[in-house]
Amino acid sequence: MKQNLPIQLDFEVDKLTNSIENATTGEIFHTEITKVTAKQNRQINKADWLLDWHLELKEKNRDIYKLTTLHNPTVIHGLISISDNHDHIL
């Protein structure tokens, strides 16, 4: 039987918010979640992320979404990859 090993995360969630918030000043920014298009993949700098998002973008069965502020949509604050496997979302 396969043993489940604990997943080690290298970040801490201090609180959940409905938008991007500057942790130092408390300033809240209106945010937007949008699908990343092939044309926008140049916005993703490989050195900024632990995951190679360019490989993720090449996967045909995956959609990548980015978290940005409304006033500065070229700065990506977060990314997520979603796969629809028909009986579940991964």
C-alpha atoms as a PDB file:
ATOM      1  CA  MET A   1       0.000   0.000   0.000  1.00  0.00           C
ATOM      2  CA  LYS A   2       1.290   3.462  -0.911  1.00  0.00           C
ATOM      3  CA  GLN A   3       2.182   5.567   2.117  1.00  0.00           C
ATOM      4  CA  ASN A   4       0.935   9.161   2.108  1.00  0.00           C
ATOM      5  CA  LEU A   5       3.710  11.546   3.031  1.00  0.00           C
ATOM      6  CA  PRO A   6       2.915  14.968   4.504  1.00  0.00           C
ATOM      7  CA  ILE A   7       3.087  17.824   2.039  1.00  0.00           C
ATOM      8  CA  GLN A   8       5.584  20.501   3.040  1.00  0.00           C
ATOM      9  CA  LEU A   9       4.553  24.057   2.151  1.00  0.00           C
ATOM     10  CA  ASP A  10       7.006  26.932   1.994  1.00  0.00           C
ATOM     11  CA  PHE A  11       4.454  29.652   2.782  1.00  0.00           C
ATOM     12  CA  GLU A  12       2.165  30.611   5.620  1.00  0.00           C
ATOM     13  CA  VAL A  13      -1.444  31.732   5.248  1.00  0.00           C
ATOM     14  CA  ASP A  14      -1.908  34.535   7.749  1.00  0.00           C
ATOM     15  CA  LYS A  15      -5.539  35.289   6.833  1.00  0.00           C
ATOM     16  CA  LEU A  16      -8.006  34.951   3.968  1.00  0.00           C
ATOM     17  CA  THR A  17      -9.221  38.044   2.142  1.00  0.00           C
ATOM     18  CA  ASN A  18     -11.517  38.803  -0.784  1.00  0.00           C
ATOM     19  CA  SER A  19      -8.792  40.731  -2.590  1.00  0.00           C
ATOM     20  CA  ILE A  20      -5.079  41.459  -2.658  1.00  0.00           C
ATOM     21  CA  GLU A  21      -4.018  43.247   0.503  1.00  0.00           C
ATOM     22  CA  ASN A  22      -0.680  44.880   1.282  1.00  0.00           C
ATOM     23  CA  ALA A  23       0.355  43.108   4.481  1.00  0.00           C
ATOM     24  CA  THR A  24       2.397  46.086   5.694  1.00  0.00           C
ATOM     25  CA  THR A  25      -0.005  48.961   5.041  1.00  0.00           C
ATOM     26  CA  GLY A  26      -3.361  47.156   4.962  1.00  0.00           C
ATOM     27  CA  GLU A  27      -4.143  48.770   1.595  1.00  0.00           C
ATOM     28  CA  ILE A  28      -6.653  46.707  -0.390  1.00  0.00           C
ATOM     29  CA  PHE A  29      -6.485  46.412  -4.175  1.00  0.00           C
ATOM     30  CA  HIS A  30      -9.401  45.461  -6.395  1.00  0.00           C
ATOM     31  CA  THR A  31      -8.454  42.160  -7.953  1.00  0.00           C
ATOM     32  CA  GLU A  32      -9.288  40.179 -11.024  1.00  0.00           C
ATOM     33  CA  ILE A  33      -8.959  36.485 -11.887  1.00  0.00           C
ATOM     34  CA  THR A  34      -8.551  35.874 -15.610  1.00  0.00           C
ATOM     35  CA  LYS A  35      -7.536  33.012 -17.835  1.00  0.00           C
ATOM     36  CA  VAL A  36      -3.959  33.189 -19.128  1.00  0.00           C
ATOM     37  CA  THR A  37      -3.812  33.098 -22.914  1.00  0.00           C
ATOM     38  CA  ALA A  38      -0.892  31.781 -24.944  1.00  0.00           C
ATOM     39  CA  LYS A  39      -0.112  35.382 -25.890  1.00  0.00           C
ATOM     40  CA  GLN A  40       0.143  36.393 -22.226  1.00  0.00           C
ATOM     41  CA  ASN A  41       2.612  33.653 -21.262  1.00  0.00           C
ATOM     42  CA  ARG A  42       5.457  36.155 -21.655  1.00  0.00           C
ATOM     43  CA  GLN A  43       4.129  37.871 -18.518  1.00  0.00           C
ATOM     44  CA  ILE A  44       5.119  34.779 -16.513  1.00  0.00           C
ATOM     45  CA  ASN A  45       8.760  34.990 -15.520  1.00  0.00           C
ATOM     46  CA  LYS A  46      10.015  31.450 -14.801  1.00  0.00           C
ATOM     47  CA  ALA A  47      12.449  32.715 -12.126  1.00  0.00           C
ATOM     48  CA  ASP A  48       9.556  34.149 -10.070  1.00  0.00           C
ATOM     49  CA  TRP A  49       7.864  30.777  -9.480  1.00  0.00           C
ATOM     50  CA  LEU A  50       8.770  27.371  -8.036  1.00  0.00           C
ATOM     51  CA  LEU A  51       6.563  25.646 -10.628  1.00  0.00           C
ATOM     52  CA  ASP A  52       7.416  25.829 -14.326  1.00  0.00           C
ATOM     53  CA  TRP A  53       4.200  27.492 -15.497  1.00  0.00           C
ATOM     54  CA  HIS A  54       5.330  27.404 -19.129  1.00  0.00           C
ATOM     55  CA  LEU A  55       5.152  23.597 -19.014  1.00  0.00           C
ATOM     56  CA  GLU A  56       1.725  23.842 -17.387  1.00  0.00           C
ATOM     57  CA  LEU A  57       0.531  26.135 -20.194  1.00  0.00           C
ATOM     58  CA  LYS A  58       1.548  23.536 -22.794  1.00  0.00           C
ATOM     59  CA  GLU A  59      -0.771  20.919 -21.289  1.00  0.00           C
ATOM     60  CA  LYS A  60      -3.877  20.789 -23.491  1.00  0.00           C
ATOM     61  CA  ASN A  61      -6.245  19.644 -20.726  1.00  0.00           C
ATOM     62  CA  ARG A  62      -5.340  22.484 -18.326  1.00  0.00           C
ATOM     63  CA  ASP A  63      -6.510  26.057 -17.934  1.00  0.00           C
ATOM     64  CA  ILE A  64      -4.249  28.526 -16.136  1.00  0.00           C
ATOM     65  CA  TYR A  65      -5.703  31.543 -14.329  1.00  0.00           C
ATOM     66  CA  LYS A  66      -3.865  34.566 -12.943  1.00  0.00           C
ATOM     67  CA  LEU A  67      -4.582  36.886 -10.023  1.00  0.00           C
ATOM     68  CA  THR A  68      -3.867  40.546 -10.779  1.00  0.00           C
ATOM     69  CA  THR A  69      -4.964  43.980  -9.622  1.00  0.00           C
ATOM     70  CA  LEU A  70      -7.354  45.956 -11.808  1.00  0.00           C
ATOM     71  CA  HIS A  71      -4.968  48.911 -12.041  1.00  0.00           C
ATOM     72  CA  ASN A  72      -1.871  46.849 -12.895  1.00  0.00           C
ATOM     73  CA  PRO A  73      -2.916  43.721 -14.807  1.00  0.00           C
ATOM     74  CA  THR A  74       0.610  42.909 -16.008  1.00  0.00           C
ATOM     75  CA  VAL A  75       1.878  42.112 -12.482  1.00  0.00           C
ATOM     76  CA  ILE A  76       0.798  38.567 -11.567  1.00  0.00           C
ATOM     77  CA  HIS A  77       0.244  37.962  -7.849  1.00  0.00           C
ATOM     78  CA  GLY A  78      -0.839  34.327  -8.150  1.00  0.00           C
ATOM     79  CA  LEU A  79      -1.443  31.506 -10.610  1.00  0.00           C
ATOM     80  CA  ILE A  80      -3.597  28.373 -10.547  1.00  0.00           C
ATOM     81  CA  SER A  81      -3.871  25.435 -12.931  1.00  0.00           C
ATOM     82  CA  ILE A  82      -7.217  23.670 -13.318  1.00  0.00           C
ATOM     83  CA  SER A  83      -7.977  20.396 -15.112  1.00  0.00           C
ATOM     84  CA  ASP A  84     -11.501  19.134 -15.758  1.00  0.00           C
ATOM     85  CA  ASN A  85     -11.292  15.344 -15.551  1.00  0.00           C
ATOM     86  CA  HIS A  86     -15.052  14.972 -16.173  1.00  0.00           C
ATOM     87  CA  ASP A  87     -15.729  13.307 -12.809  1.00  0.00           C
ATOM     88  CA  HIS A  88     -13.637  15.770 -10.789  1.00  0.00           C
ATOM     89  CA  ILE A  89     -11.682  19.012 -11.045  1.00  0.00           C
ATOM     90  CA  LEU A  90      -7.977  18.859 -10.357  1.00  0.00           C
END
